[in-house]
PDB file of N, CA and C in Angstrom:
ATOM      1  N   MET A   1     -19.899 -65.980  15.626  1.00  0.00           N
ATOM      2  CA  MET A   1     -19.983 -66.524  16.956  1.00  0.00           C
ATOM      3  C   MET A   1     -18.754 -66.096  17.744  1.00  0.00           C
ATOM      4  N   PRO A   2     -18.953 -65.448  18.872  1.00  0.00           N
ATOM      5  CA  PRO A   2     -17.800 -65.012  19.663  1.00  0.00           C
ATOM      6  C   PRO A   2     -17.101 -66.181  20.340  1.00  0.00           C
ATOM      7  N   THR A   3     -15.798 -66.095  20.428  1.00  0.00           N
ATOM      8  CA  THR A   3     -15.023 -67.117  21.122  1.00  0.00           C
ATOM      9  C   THR A   3     -15.028 -66.816  22.614  1.00  0.00           C
ATOM     10  N   ASN A   4     -14.627 -67.787  23.431  1.00  0.00           N
ATOM     11  CA  ASN A   4     -14.548 -67.564  24.871  1.00  0.00           C
ATOM     12  C   ASN A   4     -13.532 -66.476  25.204  1.00  0.00           C
ATOM     13  N   ASP A   5     -12.423 -66.445  24.478  1.00  0.00           N
ATOM     14  CA  ASP A   5     -11.417 -65.398  24.721  1.00  0.00           C
ATOM     15  C   ASP A   5     -11.993 -64.016  24.425  1.00  0.00           C
ATOM     16  N   GLU A   6     -12.747 -63.919  23.346  1.00  0.00           N
ATOM     17  CA  GLU A   6     -13.364 -62.641  22.991  1.00  0.00           C
ATOM     18  C   GLU A   6     -14.379 -62.227  24.052  1.00  0.00           C
ATOM     19  N   ARG A   7     -15.159 -63.160  24.537  1.00  0.00           N
ATOM     20  CA  ARG A   7     -16.149 -62.864  25.590  1.00  0.00           C
ATOM     21  C   ARG A   7     -15.460 -62.365  26.854  1.00  0.00           C
ATOM     22  N   ARG A   8     -14.359 -63.029  27.218  1.00  0.00           N
ATOM     23  CA  ARG A   8     -13.622 -62.618  28.426  1.00  0.00           C
ATOM     24  C   ARG A   8     -13.028 -61.216  28.261  1.00  0.00           C
ATOM     25  N   GLU A   9     -12.512 -60.936  27.062  1.00  0.00           N
ATOM     26  CA  GLU A   9     -11.931 -59.624  26.800  1.00  0.00           C
ATOM     27  C   GLU A   9     -12.978 -58.519  26.908  1.00  0.00           C
ATOM     28  N   VAL A  10     -14.154 -58.750  26.322  1.00  0.00           N
ATOM     29  CA  VAL A  10     -15.219 -57.752  26.397  1.00  0.00           C
ATOM     30  C   VAL A  10     -15.690 -57.579  27.840  1.00  0.00           C
ATOM     31  N   ALA A  11     -15.810 -58.687  28.591  1.00  0.00           N
ATOM     32  CA  ALA A  11     -16.224 -58.590  29.998  1.00  0.00           C
ATOM     33  C   ALA A  11     -15.219 -57.760  30.797  1.00  0.00           C
ATOM     34  N   GLU A  12     -13.933 -57.994  30.556  1.00  0.00           N
ATOM     35  CA  GLU A  12     -12.902 -57.216  31.250  1.00  0.00           C
ATOM     36  C   GLU A  12     -12.992 -55.739  30.872  1.00  0.00           C
ATOM     37  N   ASN A  13     -13.199 -55.457  29.597  1.00  0.00           N
ATOM     38  CA  ASN A  13     -13.316 -54.067  29.147  1.00  0.00           C
ATOM     39  C   ASN A  13     -14.551 -53.395  29.737  1.00  0.00           C
ATOM     40  N   LEU A  14     -15.648 -54.132  29.866  1.00  0.00           N
ATOM     41  CA  LEU A  14     -16.856 -53.564  30.485  1.00  0.00           C
ATOM     42  C   LEU A  14     -16.607 -53.244  31.955  1.00  0.00           C
ATOM     43  N   ARG A  15     -15.905 -54.142  32.642  1.00  0.00           N
ATOM     44  CA  ARG A  15     -15.584 -53.867  34.059  1.00  0.00           C
ATOM     45  C   ARG A  15     -14.688 -52.640  34.191  1.00  0.00           C
ATOM     46  N   ASN A  16     -13.705 -52.529  33.309  1.00  0.00           N
ATOM     47  CA  ASN A  16     -12.824 -51.358  33.324  1.00  0.00           C
ATOM     48  C   ASN A  16     -13.599 -50.086  33.003  1.00  0.00           C
ATOM     49  N   MET A  17     -14.570 -50.198  32.121  1.00  0.00           N
ATOM     50  CA  MET A  17     -15.403 -49.053  31.770  1.00  0.00           C
ATOM     51  C   MET A  17     -16.167 -48.567  33.001  1.00  0.00           C
ATOM     52  N   CYS A  18     -16.627 -49.509  33.813  1.00  0.00           N
ATOM     53  CA  CYS A  18     -17.380 -49.153  35.018  1.00  0.00           C
ATOM     54  C   CYS A  18     -16.488 -48.460  36.049  1.00  0.00           C
ATOM     55  N   ILE A  19     -15.232 -48.845  36.116  1.00  0.00           N
ATOM     56  CA  ILE A  19     -14.299 -48.235  37.064  1.00  0.00           C
ATOM     57  C   ILE A  19     -14.085 -46.763  36.732  1.00  0.00           C
ATOM     58  N   CYS A  20     -13.934 -46.491  35.445  1.00  0.00           N
ATOM     59  CA  CYS A  20     -13.696 -45.116  35.003  1.00  0.00           C
ATOM     60  C   CYS A  20     -14.922 -44.236  35.226  1.00  0.00           C
ATOM     61  N   GLY A  21     -16.075 -44.814  35.112  1.00  0.00           N
ATOM     62  CA  GLY A  21     -17.308 -44.072  35.330  1.00  0.00           C
ATOM     63  C   GLY A  21     -17.722 -43.231  34.136  1.00  0.00           C
ATOM     64  N   CYS A  22     -19.010 -42.991  34.058  1.00  0.00           N
ATOM     65  CA  CYS A  22     -19.583 -42.175  32.992  1.00  0.00           C
ATOM     66  C   CYS A  22     -20.545 -41.178  33.630  1.00  0.00           C
ATOM     67  N   ARG A  23     -20.520 -39.967  33.159  1.00  0.00           N
ATOM     68  CA  ARG A  23     -21.425 -38.952  33.697  1.00  0.00           C
ATOM     69  C   ARG A  23     -22.713 -38.843  32.897  1.00  0.00           C
ATOM     70  N   TYR A  24     -22.650 -39.130  31.623  1.00  0.00           N
ATOM     71  CA  TYR A  24     -23.801 -38.919  30.754  1.00  0.00           C
ATOM     72  C   TYR A  24     -24.118 -40.188  29.986  1.00  0.00           C
ATOM     73  N   LYS A  25     -25.386 -40.360  29.660  1.00  0.00           N
ATOM     74  CA  LYS A  25     -25.782 -41.571  28.937  1.00  0.00           C
ATOM     75  C   LYS A  25     -25.129 -41.634  27.560  1.00  0.00           C
ATOM     76  N   GLU A  26     -24.891 -40.500  26.941  1.00  0.00           N
ATOM     77  CA  GLU A  26     -24.235 -40.490  25.639  1.00  0.00           C
ATOM     78  C   GLU A  26     -22.810 -41.015  25.751  1.00  0.00           C
ATOM     79  N   GLU A  27     -22.126 -40.624  26.820  1.00  0.00           N
ATOM     80  CA  GLU A  27     -20.759 -41.095  27.059  1.00  0.00           C
ATOM     81  C   GLU A  27     -20.769 -42.605  27.307  1.00  0.00           C
ATOM     82  N   PHE A  28     -21.748 -43.073  28.091  1.00  0.00           N
ATOM     83  CA  PHE A  28     -21.867 -44.503  28.343  1.00  0.00           C
ATOM     84  C   PHE A  28     -22.097 -45.253  27.033  1.00  0.00           C
ATOM     85  N   TYR A  29     -23.003 -44.741  26.217  1.00  0.00           N
ATOM     86  CA  TYR A  29     -23.304 -45.402  24.945  1.00  0.00           C
ATOM     87  C   TYR A  29     -22.062 -45.457  24.061  1.00  0.00           C
ATOM     88  N   ASP A  30     -21.321 -44.375  23.964  1.00  0.00           N
ATOM     89  CA  ASP A  30     -20.110 -44.352  23.146  1.00  0.00           C
ATOM     90  C   ASP A  30     -19.092 -45.380  23.638  1.00  0.00           C
ATOM     91  N   LEU A  31     -18.907 -45.462  24.957  1.00  0.00           N
ATOM     92  CA  LEU A  31     -17.972 -46.436  25.514  1.00  0.00           C
ATOM     93  C   LEU A  31     -18.465 -47.867  25.307  1.00  0.00           C
ATOM     94  N   LEU A  32     -19.778 -48.068  25.441  1.00  0.00           N
ATOM     95  CA  LEU A  32     -20.351 -49.391  25.222  1.00  0.00           C
ATOM     96  C   LEU A  32     -20.137 -49.840  23.781  1.00  0.00           C
ATOM     97  N   VAL A  33     -20.401 -48.965  22.853  1.00  0.00           N
ATOM     98  CA  VAL A  33     -20.201 -49.291  21.435  1.00  0.00           C
ATOM     99  C   VAL A  33     -18.731 -49.617  21.175  1.00  0.00           C
ATOM    100  N   GLU A  34     -17.837 -48.813  21.714  1.00  0.00           N
ATOM    101  CA  GLU A  34     -16.407 -49.045  21.518  1.00  0.00           C
ATOM    102  C   GLU A  34     -15.977 -50.384  22.109  1.00  0.00           C
ATOM    103  N   THR A  35     -16.516 -50.724  23.275  1.00  0.00           N
ATOM    104  CA  THR A  35     -16.140 -51.948  23.972  1.00  0.00           C
ATOM    105  C   THR A  35     -16.734 -53.191  23.332  1.00  0.00           C
ATOM    106  N   VAL A  36     -17.995 -53.133  22.958  1.00  0.00           N
ATOM    107  CA  VAL A  36     -18.709 -54.311  22.462  1.00  0.00           C
ATOM    108  C   VAL A  36     -18.547 -54.507  20.964  1.00  0.00           C
ATOM    109  N   MET A  37     -18.588 -53.445  20.201  1.00  0.00           N
ATOM    110  CA  MET A  37     -18.618 -53.576  18.748  1.00  0.00           C
ATOM    111  C   MET A  37     -17.228 -53.630  18.109  1.00  0.00           C
ATOM    112  N   ARG A  38     -16.269 -52.975  18.695  1.00  0.00           N
ATOM    113  CA  ARG A  38     -14.917 -52.930  18.136  1.00  0.00           C
ATOM    114  C   ARG A  38     -14.967 -52.539  16.670  1.00  0.00           C
ATOM    115  N   ALA A  39     -14.523 -53.435  15.794  1.00  0.00           N
ATOM    116  CA  ALA A  39     -14.462 -53.119  14.365  1.00  0.00           C
ATOM    117  C   ALA A  39     -15.717 -53.566  13.614  1.00  0.00           C
ATOM    118  N   TRP A  40     -16.721 -54.043  14.327  1.00  0.00           N
ATOM    119  CA  TRP A  40     -17.946 -54.513  13.673  1.00  0.00           C
ATOM    120  C   TRP A  40     -18.694 -53.335  13.073  1.00  0.00           C
ATOM    121  N   ASP A  41     -19.269 -53.557  11.926  1.00  0.00           N
ATOM    122  CA  ASP A  41     -20.083 -52.539  11.266  1.00  0.00           C
ATOM    123  C   ASP A  41     -21.494 -52.601  11.862  1.00  0.00           C
ATOM    124  N   PHE A  42     -22.030 -51.477  12.244  1.00  0.00           N
ATOM    125  CA  PHE A  42     -23.377 -51.460  12.808  1.00  0.00           C
ATOM    126  C   PHE A  42     -24.041 -50.141  12.468  1.00  0.00           C
ATOM    127  N   HIS A  43     -25.379 -50.132  12.530  1.00  0.00           N
ATOM    128  CA  HIS A  43     -26.116 -48.931  12.167  1.00  0.00           C
ATOM    129  C   HIS A  43     -27.143 -48.520  13.217  1.00  0.00           C
ATOM    130  N   GLU A  44     -27.537 -49.453  14.068  1.00  0.00           N
ATOM    131  CA  GLU A  44     -28.569 -49.151  15.051  1.00  0.00           C
ATOM    132  C   GLU A  44     -28.192 -49.724  16.402  1.00  0.00           C
ATOM    133  N   PHE A  45     -28.851 -49.238  17.427  1.00  0.00           N
ATOM    134  CA  PHE A  45     -28.597 -49.746  18.774  1.00  0.00           C
ATOM    135  C   PHE A  45     -28.960 -51.222  18.873  1.00  0.00           C
ATOM    136  N   SER A  46     -29.927 -51.678  18.083  1.00  0.00           N
ATOM    137  CA  SER A  46     -30.302 -53.091  18.127  1.00  0.00           C
ATOM    138  C   SER A  46     -29.117 -53.982  17.732  1.00  0.00           C
ATOM    139  N   ASP A  47     -28.226 -53.487  16.864  1.00  0.00           N
ATOM    140  CA  ASP A  47     -27.020 -54.241  16.510  1.00  0.00           C
ATOM    141  C   ASP A  47     -26.116 -54.404  17.726  1.00  0.00           C
ATOM    142  N   VAL A  48     -25.991 -53.341  18.521  1.00  0.00           N
ATOM    143  CA  VAL A  48     -25.173 -53.394  19.731  1.00  0.00           C
ATOM    144  C   VAL A  48     -25.802 -54.366  20.730  1.00  0.00           C
ATOM    145  N   ALA A  49     -27.126 -54.296  20.878  1.00  0.00           N
ATOM    146  CA  ALA A  49     -27.827 -55.182  21.806  1.00  0.00           C
ATOM    147  C   ALA A  49     -27.698 -56.643  21.372  1.00  0.00           C
ATOM    148  N   ASP A  50     -27.821 -56.921  20.075  1.00  0.00           N
ATOM    149  CA  ASP A  50     -27.664 -58.291  19.583  1.00  0.00           C
ATOM    150  C   ASP A  50     -26.261 -58.812  19.846  1.00  0.00           C
ATOM    151  N   ARG A  51     -25.266 -57.985  19.592  1.00  0.00           N
ATOM    152  CA  ARG A  51     -23.876 -58.395  19.820  1.00  0.00           C
ATOM    153  C   ARG A  51     -23.634 -58.672  21.296  1.00  0.00           C
ATOM    154  N   LEU A  52     -24.153 -57.823  22.160  1.00  0.00           N
ATOM    155  CA  LEU A  52     -24.005 -58.016  23.593  1.00  0.00           C
ATOM    156  C   LEU A  52     -24.694 -59.303  24.035  1.00  0.00           C
ATOM    157  N   ALA A  53     -25.879 -59.582  23.504  1.00  0.00           N
ATOM    158  CA  ALA A  53     -26.595 -60.820  23.831  1.00  0.00           C
ATOM    159  C   ALA A  53     -25.798 -62.049  23.394  1.00  0.00           C
ATOM    160  N   ASP A  54     -25.177 -61.992  22.221  1.00  0.00           N
ATOM    161  CA  ASP A  54     -24.357 -63.113  21.755  1.00  0.00           C
ATOM    162  C   ASP A  54     -23.140 -63.330  22.653  1.00  0.00           C
ATOM    163  N   LEU A  55     -22.586 -62.244  23.166  1.00  0.00           N
ATOM    164  CA  LEU A  55     -21.440 -62.372  24.063  1.00  0.00           C
ATOM    165  C   LEU A  55     -21.858 -62.991  25.394  1.00  0.00           C
ATOM    166  N   ILE A  56     -23.053 -62.666  25.853  1.00  0.00           N
ATOM    167  CA  ILE A  56     -23.535 -63.191  27.129  1.00  0.00           C
ATOM    168  C   ILE A  56     -23.961 -64.645  26.991  1.00  0.00           C
ATOM    169  N   GLU A  57     -24.739 -64.938  25.966  1.00  0.00           N
ATOM    170  CA  GLU A  57     -25.252 -66.293  25.782  1.00  0.00           C
ATOM    171  C   GLU A  57     -25.177 -66.664  24.302  1.00  0.00           C
ATOM    172  N   PRO A  58     -24.019 -67.138  23.864  1.00  0.00           N
ATOM    173  CA  PRO A  58     -23.885 -67.479  22.449  1.00  0.00           C
ATOM    174  C   PRO A  58     -24.695 -68.728  22.105  1.00  0.00           C
ATOM    175  N   GLU A  59     -25.062 -68.819  20.833  1.00  0.00           N
ATOM    176  CA  GLU A  59     -25.721 -70.029  20.374  1.00  0.00           C
ATOM    177  C   GLU A  59     -24.723 -71.175  20.478  1.00  0.00           C
ATOM    178  N   GLU A  60     -25.213 -72.303  20.924  1.00  0.00           N
ATOM    179  CA  GLU A  60     -24.322 -73.433  21.113  1.00  0.00           C
ATOM    180  C   GLU A  60     -23.882 -73.996  19.764  1.00  0.00           C
ATOM    181  N   ARG A  61     -22.593 -74.205  19.636  1.00  0.00           N
ATOM    182  CA  ARG A  61     -22.051 -74.830  18.435  1.00  0.00           C
ATOM    183  C   ARG A  61     -21.988 -76.332  18.668  1.00  0.00           C
ATOM    184  N   THR A  62     -22.379 -77.089  17.681  1.00  0.00           N
ATOM    185  CA  THR A  62     -22.328 -78.539  17.787  1.00  0.00           C
ATOM    186  C   THR A  62     -21.542 -79.118  16.614  1.00  0.00           C
ATOM    187  N   CYS A  63     -21.077 -80.342  16.797  1.00  0.00           N
ATOM    188  CA  CYS A  63     -20.344 -81.032  15.742  1.00  0.00           C
ATOM    189  C   CYS A  63     -20.605 -82.526  15.833  1.00  0.00           C
ATOM    190  N   ARG A  64     -20.141 -83.212  14.825  1.00  0.00           N
ATOM    191  CA  ARG A  64     -20.170 -84.666  14.810  1.00  0.00           C
ATOM    192  C   ARG A  64     -18.737 -85.146  14.673  1.00  0.00           C
ATOM    193  N   VAL A  65     -18.476 -86.332  15.183  1.00  0.00           N
ATOM    194  CA  VAL A  65     -17.177 -86.953  14.946  1.00  0.00           C
ATOM    195  C   VAL A  65     -17.325 -87.760  13.670  1.00  0.00           C
ATOM    196  N   ILE A  66     -16.528 -87.418  12.675  1.00  0.00           N
ATOM    197  CA  ILE A  66     -16.555 -88.169  11.424  1.00  0.00           C
ATOM    198  C   ILE A  66     -15.227 -88.909  11.288  1.00  0.00           C
ATOM    199  N   MET A  67     -15.259 -89.982  10.574  1.00  0.00           N
ATOM    200  CA  MET A  67     -14.043 -90.764  10.379  1.00  0.00           C
ATOM    201  C   MET A  67     -13.436 -90.382   9.029  1.00  0.00           C
ATOM    202  N   LYS A  68     -12.202 -89.935   9.063  1.00  0.00           N
ATOM    203  CA  LYS A  68     -11.514 -89.477   7.855  1.00  0.00           C
ATOM    204  C   LYS A  68     -10.384 -90.461   7.520  1.00  0.00           C
ATOM    205  N   TRP A  69     -10.350 -90.864   6.266  1.00  0.00           N
ATOM    206  CA  TRP A  69      -9.310 -91.783   5.815  1.00  0.00           C
ATOM    207  C   TRP A  69      -7.970 -91.066   5.837  1.00  0.00           C
ATOM    208  N   ASP A  70      -6.989 -91.659   6.529  1.00  0.00           N
ATOM    209  CA  ASP A  70      -5.689 -91.005   6.633  1.00  0.00           C
ATOM    210  C   ASP A  70      -4.701 -91.467   5.568  1.00  0.00           C
ATOM    211  N   GLY A  71      -5.096 -92.466   4.771  1.00  0.00           N
ATOM    212  CA  GLY A  71      -4.238 -92.917   3.692  1.00  0.00           C
ATOM    213  C   GLY A  71      -3.158 -93.887   4.113  1.00  0.00           C
ATOM    214  N   LEU A  72      -2.989 -94.099   5.408  1.00  0.00           N
ATOM    215  CA  LEU A  72      -1.938 -95.004   5.868  1.00  0.00           C
ATOM    216  C   LEU A  72      -2.511 -96.268   6.492  1.00  0.00           C
ATOM    217  N   ASP A  73      -2.982 -96.119   7.716  1.00  0.00           N
ATOM    218  CA  ASP A  73      -3.409 -97.312   8.452  1.00  0.00           C
ATOM    219  C   ASP A  73      -4.891 -97.322   8.809  1.00  0.00           C
ATOM    220  N   GLY A  74      -5.678 -96.507   8.181  1.00  0.00           N
ATOM    221  CA  GLY A  74      -7.107 -96.556   8.482  1.00  0.00           C
ATOM    222  C   GLY A  74      -7.740 -95.191   8.580  1.00  0.00           C
ATOM    223  N   ARG A  75      -8.751 -95.128   9.416  1.00  0.00           N
ATOM    224  CA  ARG A  75      -9.528 -93.897   9.564  1.00  0.00           C
ATOM    225  C   ARG A  75      -9.258 -93.265  10.922  1.00  0.00           C
ATOM    226  N   ASP A  76      -9.316 -91.948  10.945  1.00  0.00           N
ATOM    227  CA  ASP A  76      -9.102 -91.202  12.182  1.00  0.00           C
ATOM    228  C   ASP A  76     -10.322 -90.340  12.480  1.00  0.00           C
ATOM    229  N   PRO A  77     -10.679 -90.184  13.773  1.00  0.00           N
ATOM    230  CA  PRO A  77     -11.821 -89.349  14.148  1.00  0.00           C
ATOM    231  C   PRO A  77     -11.491 -87.864  14.005  1.00  0.00           C
ATOM    232  N   VAL A  78     -12.405 -87.128  13.349  1.00  0.00           N
ATOM    233  CA  VAL A  78     -12.191 -85.713  13.056  1.00  0.00           C
ATOM    234  C   VAL A  78     -13.453 -84.928  13.386  1.00  0.00           C
ATOM    235  N   CYS A  79     -13.307 -83.683  13.849  1.00  0.00           N
ATOM    236  CA  CYS A  79     -14.434 -82.788  14.104  1.00  0.00           C
ATOM    237  C   CYS A  79     -15.046 -82.361  12.769  1.00  0.00           C
ATOM    238  N   SER A  80     -16.365 -82.462  12.661  1.00  0.00           N
ATOM    239  CA  SER A  80     -17.040 -82.095  11.415  1.00  0.00           C
ATOM    240  C   SER A  80     -17.041 -80.590  11.169  1.00  0.00           C
ATOM    241  N   GLU A  81     -16.796 -79.790  12.186  1.00  0.00           N
ATOM    242  CA  GLU A  81     -16.832 -78.333  12.030  1.00  0.00           C
ATOM    243  C   GLU A  81     -15.478 -77.731  11.692  1.00  0.00           C
ATOM    244  N   CYS A  82     -14.431 -78.160  12.379  1.00  0.00           N
ATOM    245  CA  CYS A  82     -13.123 -77.514  12.177  1.00  0.00           C
ATOM    246  C   CYS A  82     -12.065 -78.438  11.594  1.00  0.00           C
ATOM    247  N   GLY A  83     -12.355 -79.751  11.533  1.00  0.00           N
ATOM    248  CA  GLY A  83     -11.407 -80.686  10.944  1.00  0.00           C
ATOM    249  C   GLY A  83     -10.285 -81.144  11.850  1.00  0.00           C
ATOM    250  N   THR A  84     -10.337 -80.778  13.131  1.00  0.00           N
ATOM    251  CA  THR A  84      -9.300 -81.181  14.076  1.00  0.00           C
ATOM    252  C   THR A  84      -9.437 -82.664  14.404  1.00  0.00           C
ATOM    253  N   TYR A  85      -8.300 -83.336  14.481  1.00  0.00           N
ATOM    254  CA  TYR A  85      -8.289 -84.755  14.835  1.00  0.00           C
ATOM    255  C   TYR A  85      -8.495 -84.921  16.337  1.00  0.00           C
ATOM    256  N   PHE A  86      -9.338 -85.889  16.689  1.00  0.00           N
ATOM    257  CA  PHE A  86      -9.534 -86.246  18.091  1.00  0.00           C
ATOM    258  C   PHE A  86      -8.479 -87.270  18.481  1.00  0.00           C
ATOM    259  N   ASP A  87      -8.249 -87.418  19.785  1.00  0.00           N
ATOM    260  CA  ASP A  87      -7.356 -88.440  20.299  1.00  0.00           C
ATOM    261  C   ASP A  87      -7.900 -89.809  19.880  1.00  0.00           C
ATOM    262  N   ASP A  88      -7.065 -90.607  19.225  1.00  0.00           N
ATOM    263  CA  ASP A  88      -7.507 -91.903  18.706  1.00  0.00           C
ATOM    264  C   ASP A  88      -8.107 -92.814  19.778  1.00  0.00           C
ATOM    265  N   LYS A  89      -7.581 -92.775  20.971  1.00  0.00           N
ATOM    266  CA  LYS A  89      -8.010 -93.720  22.002  1.00  0.00           C
ATOM    267  C   LYS A  89      -9.193 -93.228  22.829  1.00  0.00           C
ATOM    268  N   LYS A  90      -9.370 -91.913  22.941  1.00  0.00           N
ATOM    269  CA  LYS A  90     -10.418 -91.384  23.818  1.00  0.00           C
ATOM    270  C   LYS A  90     -11.490 -90.587  23.085  1.00  0.00           C
ATOM    271  N   TRP A  91     -11.497 -90.621  21.761  1.00  0.00           N
ATOM    272  CA  TRP A  91     -12.415 -89.770  21.010  1.00  0.00           C
ATOM    273  C   TRP A  91     -13.866 -90.045  21.341  1.00  0.00           C
ATOM    274  N   HIS A  92     -14.212 -91.287  21.645  1.00  0.00           N
ATOM    275  CA  HIS A  92     -15.601 -91.639  21.925  1.00  0.00           C
ATOM    276  C   HIS A  92     -16.072 -91.118  23.280  1.00  0.00           C
ATOM    277  N   GLU A  93     -15.147 -90.679  24.129  1.00  0.00           N
ATOM    278  CA  GLU A  93     -15.493 -90.148  25.450  1.00  0.00           C
ATOM    279  C   GLU A  93     -15.591 -88.622  25.461  1.00  0.00           C
ATOM    280  N   GLN A  94     -15.041 -87.968  24.455  1.00  0.00           N
ATOM    281  CA  GLN A  94     -14.986 -86.513  24.464  1.00  0.00           C
ATOM    282  C   GLN A  94     -16.358 -85.907  24.188  1.00  0.00           C
ATOM    283  N   LYS A  95     -16.704 -84.914  24.998  1.00  0.00           N
ATOM    284  CA  LYS A  95     -17.991 -84.240  24.857  1.00  0.00           C
ATOM    285  C   LYS A  95     -17.881 -82.960  24.043  1.00  0.00           C
ATOM    286  N   PHE A  96     -16.644 -82.441  23.907  1.00  0.00           N
ATOM    287  CA  PHE A  96     -16.412 -81.202  23.176  1.00  0.00           C
ATOM    288  C   PHE A  96     -15.174 -81.350  22.297  1.00  0.00           C
ATOM    289  N   CYS A  97     -15.183 -80.640  21.183  1.00  0.00           N
ATOM    290  CA  CYS A  97     -14.006 -80.629  20.314  1.00  0.00           C
ATOM    291  C   CYS A  97     -12.861 -79.938  21.041  1.00  0.00           C
ATOM    292  N   PRO A  98     -11.668 -80.526  21.024  1.00  0.00           N
ATOM    293  CA  PRO A  98     -10.539 -79.908  21.716  1.00  0.00           C
ATOM    294  C   PRO A  98     -10.054 -78.619  21.066  1.00  0.00           C
ATOM    295  N   ASN A  99     -10.454 -78.357  19.821  1.00  0.00           N
ATOM    296  CA  ASN A  99      -9.995 -77.158  19.127  1.00  0.00           C
ATOM    297  C   ASN A  99     -11.042 -76.048  19.120  1.00  0.00           C
ATOM    298  N   CYS A 100     -12.219 -76.313  18.560  1.00  0.00           N
ATOM    299  CA  CYS A 100     -13.219 -75.249  18.399  1.00  0.00           C
ATOM    300  C   CYS A 100     -14.221 -75.180  19.547  1.00  0.00           C
ATOM    301  N   GLY A 101     -14.267 -76.192  20.411  1.00  0.00           N
ATOM    302  CA  GLY A 101     -15.147 -76.170  21.572  1.00  0.00           C
ATOM    303  C   GLY A 101     -16.586 -76.569  21.284  1.00  0.00           C
ATOM    304  N   ALA A 102     -16.881 -76.974  20.048  1.00  0.00           N
ATOM    305  CA  ALA A 102     -18.240 -77.385  19.711  1.00  0.00           C
ATOM    306  C   ALA A 102     -18.599 -78.655  20.493  1.00  0.00           C
ATOM    307  N   ARG A 103     -19.872 -78.737  20.910  1.00  0.00           N
ATOM    308  CA  ARG A 103     -20.326 -79.911  21.648  1.00  0.00           C
ATOM    309  C   ARG A 103     -20.569 -81.055  20.666  1.00  0.00           C
ATOM    310  N   VAL A 104     -20.041 -82.220  20.997  1.00  0.00           N
ATOM    311  CA  VAL A 104     -20.210 -83.386  20.137  1.00  0.00           C
ATOM    312  C   VAL A 104     -21.620 -83.934  20.346  1.00  0.00           C
ATOM    313  N   VAL A 105     -22.424 -83.966  19.269  1.00  0.00           N
ATOM    314  CA  VAL A 105     -23.808 -84.427  19.382  1.00  0.00           C
ATOM    315  C   VAL A 105     -24.012 -85.795  18.749  1.00  0.00           C
ATOM    316  N   GLN A 106     -23.099 -86.230  17.913  1.00  0.00           N
ATOM    317  CA  GLN A 106     -23.237 -87.521  17.266  1.00  0.00           C
ATOM    318  C   GLN A 106     -21.857 -88.105  17.044  1.00  0.00           C
ATOM    319  N   ARG A 107     -21.723 -89.380  17.317  1.00  0.00           N
ATOM    320  CA  ARG A 107     -20.433 -90.054  17.139  1.00  0.00           C
ATOM    321  C   ARG A 107     -20.524 -91.054  16.029  1.00  0.00           C
TER     322      ARG A 107
END
């Protein structure tokens, strides 16, 4: 799943690619692969198209707030996906994890 920073970086690189211009479709394809795929292993154009689609509209990540025993004074609210602690006083109001950005679907 691409992060927001990764999506922004690819969008910026695509815009820069457009500024430079391409004369041939092969050149465009090579630049597109370089911009979108980076170090990803791929074998077909469908891999490039899938990666581009994920960058445009990623699948939504969701999480639950779980209560984790802290061993001292009780339980603390934690993201079920990344383990980040939520603010003790406002955790029930948060719609997204402050660390991984997953949408909270169950409290």
